[in-house]
Amino acid sequence: MKRKASALASIKDKESNATWSVRFFKVISVQYLIVDLDPGYQWVAVGHPSRRYGWIMARKKTLADSTYSEILGRLGKQGYDTSKFAKVPQQTASASSQTP
C-alpha cells in the first residue's frame, strides 16, 4: 500500500540553512536539522534535534556502500544510533504519479 503525505517546509536558521521546520497536514510542526551534506548535493542526512530520528536521502536510487558507511560513521559521532538506520528499496515513480 502506498501512502502520501503533504508537508510545507521553512528554513528557521537562514544563516546556515541547516535548521528547518516542517509542517504536516497543516497542524503538526516538526524541527529537522541538516546534519551531513554532500558537497555536490548528491545526498543529505537529515535528523531530528533529539537524535532519535534520522534519514539519509540521495538523488539516485542507490548510494555506494562506502559512502553510506561513511555517512553512518559521522552520524554516530553526532549521537545518532546508527543501528536504527535501514536502507529502503527505491522505486521509479510512474508518469501518472509525478506532479509537475
PDB file of N, CA and C in Angstrom:
ATOM      1  N   MET A   1       0.844  -1.170   0.000  1.00  0.00           N
ATOM      2  CA  MET A   1       0.000   0.000   0.000  1.00  0.00           C
ATOM      3  C   MET A   1       0.895   1.242   0.000  1.00  0.00           C
ATOM      4  N   LYS A   2       0.607   2.157  -0.896  1.00  0.00           N
ATOM      5  CA  LYS A   2       1.358   3.412  -0.964  1.00  0.00           C
ATOM      6  C   LYS A   2       0.655   4.458  -0.113  1.00  0.00           C
ATOM      7  N   ARG A   3       1.461   5.263   0.554  1.00  0.00           N
ATOM      8  CA  ARG A   3       0.934   6.370   1.352  1.00  0.00           C
ATOM      9  C   ARG A   3       1.577   7.656   0.884  1.00  0.00           C
ATOM     10  N   LYS A   4       0.852   8.732   0.993  1.00  0.00           N
ATOM     11  CA  LYS A   4       1.355  10.027   0.566  1.00  0.00           C
ATOM     12  C   LYS A   4       0.980  11.063   1.613  1.00  0.00           C
ATOM     13  N   ALA A   5       1.921  11.932   1.940  1.00  0.00           N
ATOM     14  CA  ALA A   5       1.669  12.999   2.898  1.00  0.00           C
ATOM     15  C   ALA A   5       2.144  14.315   2.301  1.00  0.00           C
ATOM     16  N   SER A   6       1.426  15.354   2.572  1.00  0.00           N
ATOM     17  CA  SER A   6       1.829  16.686   2.120  1.00  0.00           C
ATOM     18  C   SER A   6       2.469  17.427   3.276  1.00  0.00           C
ATOM     19  N   ALA A   7       3.491  18.203   2.970  1.00  0.00           N
ATOM     20  CA  ALA A   7       4.182  18.953   4.008  1.00  0.00           C
ATOM     21  C   ALA A   7       4.675  20.275   3.433  1.00  0.00           C
ATOM     22  N   LEU A   8       4.843  21.238   4.316  1.00  0.00           N
ATOM     23  CA  LEU A   8       5.382  22.538   3.951  1.00  0.00           C
ATOM     24  C   LEU A   8       6.595  22.788   4.831  1.00  0.00           C
ATOM     25  N   ALA A   9       7.735  23.033   4.222  1.00  0.00           N
ATOM     26  CA  ALA A   9       8.970  23.245   4.973  1.00  0.00           C
ATOM     27  C   ALA A   9       9.386  24.705   4.907  1.00  0.00           C
ATOM     28  N   SER A  10       9.977  25.177   6.012  1.00  0.00           N
ATOM     29  CA  SER A  10      10.527  26.532   6.034  1.00  0.00           C
ATOM     30  C   SER A  10      11.869  26.503   6.763  1.00  0.00           C
ATOM     31  N   ILE A  11      12.779  27.336   6.319  1.00  0.00           N
ATOM     32  CA  ILE A  11      14.109  27.422   6.916  1.00  0.00           C
ATOM     33  C   ILE A  11      14.021  28.285   8.168  1.00  0.00           C
ATOM     34  N   LYS A  12      14.518  27.756   9.290  1.00  0.00           N
ATOM     35  CA  LYS A  12      14.493  28.504  10.550  1.00  0.00           C
ATOM     36  C   LYS A  12      15.803  29.247  10.810  1.00  0.00           C
ATOM     37  N   ASP A  13      16.921  28.697  10.362  1.00  0.00           N
ATOM     38  CA  ASP A  13      18.225  29.336  10.531  1.00  0.00           C
ATOM     39  C   ASP A  13      18.708  29.745   9.149  1.00  0.00           C
ATOM     40  N   LYS A  14      18.427  30.977   8.770  1.00  0.00           N
ATOM     41  CA  LYS A  14      18.740  31.436   7.422  1.00  0.00           C
ATOM     42  C   LYS A  14      20.242  31.652   7.204  1.00  0.00           C
ATOM     43  N   GLU A  15      21.017  31.696   8.280  1.00  0.00           N
ATOM     44  CA  GLU A  15      22.458  31.865   8.135  1.00  0.00           C
ATOM     45  C   GLU A  15      23.120  30.568   7.673  1.00  0.00           C
ATOM     46  N   SER A  16      22.722  29.433   8.253  1.00  0.00           N
ATOM     47  CA  SER A  16      23.333  28.149   7.888  1.00  0.00           C
ATOM     48  C   SER A  16      22.445  27.309   6.966  1.00  0.00           C
ATOM     49  N   ASN A  17      21.157  27.624   6.911  1.00  0.00           N
ATOM     50  CA  ASN A  17      20.167  26.835   6.171  1.00  0.00           C
ATOM     51  C   ASN A  17      20.085  25.401   6.678  1.00  0.00           C
ATOM     52  N   ALA A  18      20.534  25.143   7.900  1.00  0.00           N
ATOM     53  CA  ALA A  18      20.592  23.779   8.420  1.00  0.00           C
ATOM     54  C   ALA A  18      19.442  23.422   9.350  1.00  0.00           C
ATOM     55  N   THR A  19      18.671  24.384   9.803  1.00  0.00           N
ATOM     56  CA  THR A  19      17.554  24.107  10.708  1.00  0.00           C
ATOM     57  C   THR A  19      16.256  24.418   9.992  1.00  0.00           C
ATOM     58  N   TRP A  20      15.396  23.397   9.920  1.00  0.00           N
ATOM     59  CA  TRP A  20      14.140  23.506   9.188  1.00  0.00           C
ATOM     60  C   TRP A  20      12.962  23.178  10.097  1.00  0.00           C
ATOM     61  N   SER A  21      11.841  23.752   9.779  1.00  0.00           N
ATOM     62  CA  SER A  21      10.576  23.378  10.405  1.00  0.00           C
ATOM     63  C   SER A  21       9.693  22.837   9.292  1.00  0.00           C
ATOM     64  N   VAL A  22       9.135  21.652   9.508  1.00  0.00           N
ATOM     65  CA  VAL A  22       8.278  21.029   8.508  1.00  0.00           C
ATOM     66  C   VAL A  22       6.896  20.835   9.114  1.00  0.00           C
ATOM     67  N   ARG A  23       5.893  21.340   8.413  1.00  0.00           N
ATOM     68  CA  ARG A  23       4.508  21.249   8.888  1.00  0.00           C
ATOM     69  C   ARG A  23       3.769  20.222   8.027  1.00  0.00           C
ATOM     70  N   PHE A  24       3.260  19.187   8.715  1.00  0.00           N
ATOM     71  CA  PHE A  24       2.495  18.126   8.068  1.00  0.00           C
ATOM     72  C   PHE A  24       1.014  18.320   8.340  1.00  0.00           C
ATOM     73  N   PHE A  25       0.204  18.085   7.349  1.00  0.00           N
ATOM     74  CA  PHE A  25      -1.260  18.150   7.482  1.00  0.00           C
ATOM     75  C   PHE A  25      -1.740  19.483   8.058  1.00  0.00           C
ATOM     76  N   LYS A  26      -0.958  20.538   7.880  1.00  0.00           N
ATOM     77  CA  LYS A  26      -1.265  21.902   8.310  1.00  0.00           C
ATOM     78  C   LYS A  26      -1.324  22.096   9.822  1.00  0.00           C
ATOM     79  N   VAL A  27      -1.089  21.044  10.621  1.00  0.00           N
ATOM     80  CA  VAL A  27      -1.200  21.203  12.073  1.00  0.00           C
ATOM     81  C   VAL A  27      -0.010  20.652  12.857  1.00  0.00           C
ATOM     82  N   ILE A  28       0.754  19.732  12.292  1.00  0.00           N
ATOM     83  CA  ILE A  28       1.860  19.106  13.008  1.00  0.00           C
ATOM     84  C   ILE A  28       3.161  19.734  12.526  1.00  0.00           C
ATOM     85  N   SER A  29       3.895  20.374  13.445  1.00  0.00           N
ATOM     86  CA  SER A  29       5.152  21.018  13.090  1.00  0.00           C
ATOM     87  C   SER A  29       6.315  20.266  13.741  1.00  0.00           C
ATOM     88  N   VAL A  30       7.321  19.929  12.943  1.00  0.00           N
ATOM     89  CA  VAL A  30       8.469  19.169  13.409  1.00  0.00           C
ATOM     90  C   VAL A  30       9.752  19.883  12.976  1.00  0.00           C
ATOM     91  N   GLN A  31      10.732  19.903  13.874  1.00  0.00           N
ATOM     92  CA  GLN A  31      12.025  20.506  13.565  1.00  0.00           C
ATOM     93  C   GLN A  31      12.963  19.454  12.988  1.00  0.00           C
ATOM     94  N   TYR A  32      13.730  19.814  11.970  1.00  0.00           N
ATOM     95  CA  TYR A  32      14.722  18.931  11.376  1.00  0.00           C
ATOM     96  C   TYR A  32      16.019  19.693  11.183  1.00  0.00           C
ATOM     97  N   LEU A  33      17.118  18.949  11.221  1.00  0.00           N
ATOM     98  CA  LEU A  33      18.439  19.526  11.026  1.00  0.00           C
ATOM     99  C   LEU A  33      19.120  18.852   9.841  1.00  0.00           C
ATOM    100  N   ILE A  34      19.796  19.625   9.039  1.00  0.00           N
ATOM    101  CA  ILE A  34      20.667  19.061   8.015  1.00  0.00           C
ATOM    102  C   ILE A  34      21.963  18.742   8.754  1.00  0.00           C
ATOM    103  N   VAL A  35      22.230  17.449   8.974  1.00  0.00           N
ATOM    104  CA  VAL A  35      23.376  17.070   9.795  1.00  0.00           C
ATOM    105  C   VAL A  35      24.589  16.618   8.983  1.00  0.00           C
ATOM    106  N   ASP A  36      24.390  16.328   7.706  1.00  0.00           N
ATOM    107  CA  ASP A  36      25.505  15.969   6.837  1.00  0.00           C
ATOM    108  C   ASP A  36      25.049  16.206   5.403  1.00  0.00           C
ATOM    109  N   LEU A  37      25.930  16.727   4.575  1.00  0.00           N
ATOM    110  CA  LEU A  37      25.539  17.097   3.214  1.00  0.00           C
ATOM    111  C   LEU A  37      26.702  16.872   2.264  1.00  0.00           C
ATOM    112  N   ASP A  38      26.417  16.211   1.162  1.00  0.00           N
ATOM    113  CA  ASP A  38      27.420  16.013   0.127  1.00  0.00           C
ATOM    114  C   ASP A  38      27.743  17.362  -0.522  1.00  0.00           C
ATOM    115  N   PRO A  39      29.030  17.687  -0.716  1.00  0.00           N
ATOM    116  CA  PRO A  39      29.384  18.968  -1.342  1.00  0.00           C
ATOM    117  C   PRO A  39      28.752  19.158  -2.723  1.00  0.00           C
ATOM    118  N   GLY A  40      28.487  18.055  -3.427  1.00  0.00           N
ATOM    119  CA  GLY A  40      27.861  18.128  -4.748  1.00  0.00           C
ATOM    120  C   GLY A  40      26.356  17.941  -4.698  1.00  0.00           C
ATOM    121  N   TYR A  41      25.788  17.956  -3.489  1.00  0.00           N
ATOM    122  CA  TYR A  41      24.337  17.824  -3.283  1.00  0.00           C
ATOM    123  C   TYR A  41      23.768  16.519  -3.854  1.00  0.00           C
ATOM    124  N   GLN A  42      24.556  15.435  -3.777  1.00  0.00           N
ATOM    125  CA  GLN A  42      24.058  14.144  -4.260  1.00  0.00           C
ATOM    126  C   GLN A  42      23.328  13.372  -3.168  1.00  0.00           C
ATOM    127  N   TRP A  43      23.577  13.718  -1.903  1.00  0.00           N
ATOM    128  CA  TRP A  43      22.883  13.103  -0.781  1.00  0.00           C
ATOM    129  C   TRP A  43      22.861  14.069   0.398  1.00  0.00           C
ATOM    130  N   VAL A  44      21.958  13.801   1.328  1.00  0.00           N
ATOM    131  CA  VAL A  44      21.847  14.613   2.536  1.00  0.00           C
ATOM    132  C   VAL A  44      21.420  13.705   3.687  1.00  0.00           C
ATOM    133  N   ALA A  45      21.896  14.006   4.872  1.00  0.00           N
ATOM    134  CA  ALA A  45      21.435  13.328   6.079  1.00  0.00           C
ATOM    135  C   ALA A  45      20.658  14.363   6.890  1.00  0.00           C
ATOM    136  N   VAL A  46      19.433  14.011   7.211  1.00  0.00           N
ATOM    137  CA  VAL A  46      18.536  14.897   7.946  1.00  0.00           C
ATOM    138  C   VAL A  46      18.219  14.232   9.281  1.00  0.00           C
ATOM    139  N   GLY A  47      18.267  14.999  10.342  1.00  0.00           N
ATOM    140  CA  GLY A  47      17.996  14.429  11.656  1.00  0.00           C
ATOM    141  C   GLY A  47      17.075  15.293  12.476  1.00  0.00           C
ATOM    142  N   HIS A  48      16.532  14.692  13.510  1.00  0.00           N
ATOM    143  CA  HIS A  48      15.705  15.405  14.484  1.00  0.00           C
ATOM    144  C   HIS A  48      16.625  15.867  15.608  1.00  0.00           C
ATOM    145  N   PRO A  49      16.368  17.035  16.202  1.00  0.00           N
ATOM    146  CA  PRO A  49      17.241  17.529  17.270  1.00  0.00           C
ATOM    147  C   PRO A  49      17.416  16.547  18.437  1.00  0.00           C
ATOM    148  N   SER A  50      16.437  15.665  18.680  1.00  0.00           N
ATOM    149  CA  SER A  50      16.544  14.687  19.765  1.00  0.00           C
ATOM    150  C   SER A  50      17.544  13.575  19.432  1.00  0.00           C
ATOM    151  N   ARG A  51      17.927  13.469  18.178  1.00  0.00           N
ATOM    152  CA  ARG A  51      18.806  12.425  17.642  1.00  0.00           C
ATOM    153  C   ARG A  51      18.150  11.043  17.686  1.00  0.00           C
ATOM    154  N   ARG A  52      16.834  11.001  17.857  1.00  0.00           N
ATOM    155  CA  ARG A  52      16.097   9.733  17.855  1.00  0.00           C
ATOM    156  C   ARG A  52      15.662   9.334  16.446  1.00  0.00           C
ATOM    157  N   TYR A  53      15.663  10.277  15.511  1.00  0.00           N
ATOM    158  CA  TYR A  53      15.213  10.020  14.147  1.00  0.00           C
ATOM    159  C   TYR A  53      16.207  10.600  13.159  1.00  0.00           C
ATOM    160  N   GLY A  54      16.351   9.938  12.040  1.00  0.00           N
ATOM    161  CA  GLY A  54      17.217  10.463  11.005  1.00  0.00           C
ATOM    162  C   GLY A  54      16.970   9.751   9.688  1.00  0.00           C
ATOM    163  N   TRP A  55      17.329  10.420   8.608  1.00  0.00           N
ATOM    164  CA  TRP A  55      17.140   9.890   7.265  1.00  0.00           C
ATOM    165  C   TRP A  55      18.345  10.254   6.421  1.00  0.00           C
ATOM    166  N   ILE A  56      18.727   9.339   5.564  1.00  0.00           N
ATOM    167  CA  ILE A  56      19.748   9.605   4.561  1.00  0.00           C
ATOM    168  C   ILE A  56      19.025   9.551   3.223  1.00  0.00           C
ATOM    169  N   MET A  57      19.073  10.632   2.487  1.00  0.00           N
ATOM    170  CA  MET A  57      18.371  10.711   1.206  1.00  0.00           C
ATOM    171  C   MET A  57      19.369  11.023   0.108  1.00  0.00           C
ATOM    172  N   ALA A  58      19.145  10.418  -1.058  1.00  0.00           N
ATOM    173  CA  ALA A  58      20.059  10.609  -2.179  1.00  0.00           C
ATOM    174  C   ALA A  58      19.272  10.924  -3.444  1.00  0.00           C
ATOM    175  N   ARG A  59      19.943  11.583  -4.369  1.00  0.00           N
ATOM    176  CA  ARG A  59      19.300  11.913  -5.652  1.00  0.00           C
ATOM    177  C   ARG A  59      19.107  10.664  -6.509  1.00  0.00           C
ATOM    178  N   LYS A  60      20.005   9.708  -6.379  1.00  0.00           N
ATOM    179  CA  LYS A  60      19.907   8.477  -7.169  1.00  0.00           C
ATOM    180  C   LYS A  60      19.255   7.386  -6.323  1.00  0.00           C
ATOM    181  N   LYS A  61      18.805   6.324  -6.985  1.00  0.00           N
ATOM    182  CA  LYS A  61      18.138   5.234  -6.284  1.00  0.00           C
ATOM    183  C   LYS A  61      19.098   4.402  -5.439  1.00  0.00           C
ATOM    184  N   THR A  62      20.382   4.501  -5.708  1.00  0.00           N
ATOM    185  CA  THR A  62      21.357   3.748  -4.927  1.00  0.00           C
ATOM    186  C   THR A  62      22.443   4.693  -4.423  1.00  0.00           C
ATOM    187  N   LEU A  63      23.065   4.264  -3.343  1.00  0.00           N
ATOM    188  CA  LEU A  63      24.157   5.014  -2.733  1.00  0.00           C
ATOM    189  C   LEU A  63      25.272   4.000  -2.484  1.00  0.00           C
ATOM    190  N   ALA A  64      26.481   4.311  -2.894  1.00  0.00           N
ATOM    191  CA  ALA A  64      27.597   3.379  -2.708  1.00  0.00           C
ATOM    192  C   ALA A  64      27.695   2.969  -1.239  1.00  0.00           C
ATOM    193  N   ASP A  65      27.957   1.680  -1.014  1.00  0.00           N
ATOM    194  CA  ASP A  65      28.064   1.182   0.357  1.00  0.00           C
ATOM    195  C   ASP A  65      29.123   1.949   1.146  1.00  0.00           C
ATOM    196  N   SER A  66      30.230   2.295   0.502  1.00  0.00           N
ATOM    197  CA  SER A  66      31.292   3.029   1.205  1.00  0.00           C
ATOM    198  C   SER A  66      30.805   4.414   1.625  1.00  0.00           C
ATOM    199  N   THR A  67      30.050   5.079   0.763  1.00  0.00           N
ATOM    200  CA  THR A  67      29.501   6.401   1.089  1.00  0.00           C
ATOM    201  C   THR A  67      28.506   6.282   2.236  1.00  0.00           C
ATOM    202  N   TYR A  68      27.631   5.286   2.157  1.00  0.00           N
ATOM    203  CA  TYR A  68      26.634   5.053   3.203  1.00  0.00           C
ATOM    204  C   TYR A  68      27.321   4.803   4.553  1.00  0.00           C
ATOM    205  N   SER A  69      28.362   3.976   4.547  1.00  0.00           N
ATOM    206  CA  SER A  69      29.099   3.678   5.785  1.00  0.00           C
ATOM    207  C   SER A  69      29.774   4.928   6.350  1.00  0.00           C
ATOM    208  N   GLU A  70      30.330   5.752   5.479  1.00  0.00           N
ATOM    209  CA  GLU A  70      30.977   6.996   5.939  1.00  0.00           C
ATOM    210  C   GLU A  70      29.949   7.933   6.565  1.00  0.00           C
ATOM    211  N   ILE A  71      28.780   8.046   5.947  1.00  0.00           N
ATOM    212  CA  ILE A  71      27.717   8.899   6.496  1.00  0.00           C
ATOM    213  C   ILE A  71      27.303   8.377   7.867  1.00  0.00           C
ATOM    214  N   LEU A  72      27.070   7.057   7.960  1.00  0.00           N
ATOM    215  CA  LEU A  72      26.685   6.466   9.246  1.00  0.00           C
ATOM    216  C   LEU A  72      27.748   6.729  10.313  1.00  0.00           C
ATOM    217  N   GLY A  73      29.017   6.653   9.927  1.00  0.00           N
ATOM    218  CA  GLY A  73      30.089   6.929  10.884  1.00  0.00           C
ATOM    219  C   GLY A  73      30.007   8.343  11.437  1.00  0.00           C
ATOM    220  N   ARG A  74      29.742   9.292  10.562  1.00  0.00           N
ATOM    221  CA  ARG A  74      29.630  10.688  11.018  1.00  0.00           C
ATOM    222  C   ARG A  74      28.373  10.886  11.863  1.00  0.00           C
ATOM    223  N   LEU A  75      27.280  10.219  11.494  1.00  0.00           N
ATOM    224  CA  LEU A  75      26.047  10.329  12.288  1.00  0.00           C
ATOM    225  C   LEU A  75      26.255   9.739  13.678  1.00  0.00           C
ATOM    226  N   GLY A  76      26.972   8.626  13.743  1.00  0.00           N
ATOM    227  CA  GLY A  76      27.270   8.016  15.038  1.00  0.00           C
ATOM    228  C   GLY A  76      28.057   8.949  15.936  1.00  0.00           C
ATOM    229  N   LYS A  77      29.012   9.670  15.351  1.00  0.00           N
ATOM    230  CA  LYS A  77      29.805  10.631  16.126  1.00  0.00           C
ATOM    231  C   LYS A  77      28.965  11.805  16.616  1.00  0.00           C
ATOM    232  N   GLN A  78      27.820  12.042  15.954  1.00  0.00           N
ATOM    233  CA  GLN A  78      26.929  13.128  16.365  1.00  0.00           C
ATOM    234  C   GLN A  78      25.866  12.646  17.354  1.00  0.00           C
ATOM    235  N   GLY A  79      25.917  11.370  17.734  1.00  0.00           N
ATOM    236  CA  GLY A  79      24.999  10.867  18.748  1.00  0.00           C
ATOM    237  C   GLY A  79      23.789  10.106  18.235  1.00  0.00           C
ATOM    238  N   TYR A  80      23.728   9.820  16.937  1.00  0.00           N
ATOM    239  CA  TYR A  80      22.616   9.043  16.383  1.00  0.00           C
ATOM    240  C   TYR A  80      22.908   7.550  16.545  1.00  0.00           C
ATOM    241  N   ASP A  81      21.877   6.758  16.845  1.00  0.00           N
ATOM    242  CA  ASP A  81      22.009   5.311  16.939  1.00  0.00           C
ATOM    243  C   ASP A  81      21.938   4.758  15.524  1.00  0.00           C
ATOM    244  N   THR A  82      23.079   4.502  14.936  1.00  0.00           N
ATOM    245  CA  THR A  82      23.123   4.110  13.529  1.00  0.00           C
ATOM    246  C   THR A  82      22.569   2.709  13.295  1.00  0.00           C
ATOM    247  N   SER A  83      22.391   1.919  14.343  1.00  0.00           N
ATOM    248  CA  SER A  83      21.803   0.590  14.168  1.00  0.00           C
ATOM    249  C   SER A  83      20.329   0.690  13.791  1.00  0.00           C
ATOM    250  N   LYS A  84      19.741   1.850  13.986  1.00  0.00           N
ATOM    251  CA  LYS A  84      18.323   2.043  13.669  1.00  0.00           C
ATOM    252  C   LYS A  84      18.097   2.557  12.247  1.00  0.00           C
ATOM    253  N   PHE A  85      19.174   2.833  11.536  1.00  0.00           N
ATOM    254  CA  PHE A  85      19.047   3.262  10.143  1.00  0.00           C
ATOM    255  C   PHE A  85      18.883   2.021   9.276  1.00  0.00           C
ATOM    256  N   ALA A  86      18.013   2.109   8.290  1.00  0.00           N
ATOM    257  CA  ALA A  86      17.777   0.986   7.383  1.00  0.00           C
ATOM    258  C   ALA A  86      17.617   1.514   5.970  1.00  0.00           C
ATOM    259  N   LYS A  87      18.194   0.810   5.031  1.00  0.00           N
ATOM    260  CA  LYS A  87      18.021   1.188   3.628  1.00  0.00           C
ATOM    261  C   LYS A  87      16.633   0.758   3.175  1.00  0.00           C
ATOM    262  N   VAL A  88      15.990   1.625   2.427  1.00  0.00           N
ATOM    263  CA  VAL A  88      14.658   1.346   1.901  1.00  0.00           C
ATOM    264  C   VAL A  88      14.767   1.193   0.387  1.00  0.00           C
ATOM    265  N   PRO A  89      14.297   0.068  -0.171  1.00  0.00           N
ATOM    266  CA  PRO A  89      14.356  -0.088  -1.624  1.00  0.00           C
ATOM    267  C   PRO A  89      13.599   1.034  -2.321  1.00  0.00           C
ATOM    268  N   GLN A  90      14.199   1.573  -3.353  1.00  0.00           N
ATOM    269  CA  GLN A  90      13.603   2.698  -4.070  1.00  0.00           C
ATOM    270  C   GLN A  90      12.956   2.212  -5.359  1.00  0.00           C
ATOM    271  N   GLN A  91      11.866   2.864  -5.728  1.00  0.00           N
ATOM    272  CA  GLN A  91      11.166   2.533  -6.959  1.00  0.00           C
ATOM    273  C   GLN A  91      11.075   3.787  -7.813  1.00  0.00           C
ATOM    274  N   THR A  92      11.042   3.582  -9.103  1.00  0.00           N
ATOM    275  CA  THR A  92      10.860   4.700 -10.021  1.00  0.00           C
ATOM    276  C   THR A  92       9.395   5.088 -10.014  1.00  0.00           C
ATOM    277  N   ALA A  93       9.118   6.370  -9.876  1.00  0.00           N
ATOM    278  CA  ALA A  93       7.738   6.856  -9.891  1.00  0.00           C
ATOM    279  C   ALA A  93       7.169   6.708 -11.282  1.00  0.00           C
ATOM    280  N   SER A  94       5.926   6.294 -11.358  1.00  0.00           N
ATOM    281  CA  SER A  94       5.279   6.204 -12.669  1.00  0.00           C
ATOM    282  C   SER A  94       4.914   7.605 -13.147  1.00  0.00           C
ATOM    283  N   ALA A  95       4.780   7.757 -14.431  1.00  0.00           N
ATOM    284  CA  ALA A  95       4.467   9.067 -15.016  1.00  0.00           C
ATOM    285  C   ALA A  95       3.159   9.623 -14.457  1.00  0.00           C
ATOM    286  N   SER A  96       2.198   8.764 -14.155  1.00  0.00           N
ATOM    287  CA  SER A  96       0.913   9.243 -13.659  1.00  0.00           C
ATOM    288  C   SER A  96       0.977   9.716 -12.214  1.00  0.00           C
ATOM    289  N   SER A  97       2.013   9.272 -11.458  1.00  0.00           N
ATOM    290  CA  SER A  97       2.111   9.688 -10.062  1.00  0.00           C
ATOM    291  C   SER A  97       2.977  10.916  -9.867  1.00  0.00           C
ATOM    292  N   GLN A  98       3.675  11.358 -10.916  1.00  0.00           N
ATOM    293  CA  GLN A  98       4.531  12.535 -10.806  1.00  0.00           C
ATOM    294  C   GLN A  98       3.700  13.798 -10.983  1.00  0.00           C
ATOM    295  N   THR A  99       4.065  14.815 -10.207  1.00  0.00           N
ATOM    296  CA  THR A  99       3.395  16.105 -10.349  1.00  0.00           C
ATOM    297  C   THR A  99       4.333  17.082 -10.996  1.00  0.00           C
ATOM    298  N   PRO A 100       3.830  17.991 -11.815  1.00  0.00           N
ATOM    299  CA  PRO A 100       4.711  18.949 -12.496  1.00  0.00           C
ATOM    300  C   PRO A 100       5.362  19.904 -11.542  1.00  0.00           C
TER     301      PRO A 100
END
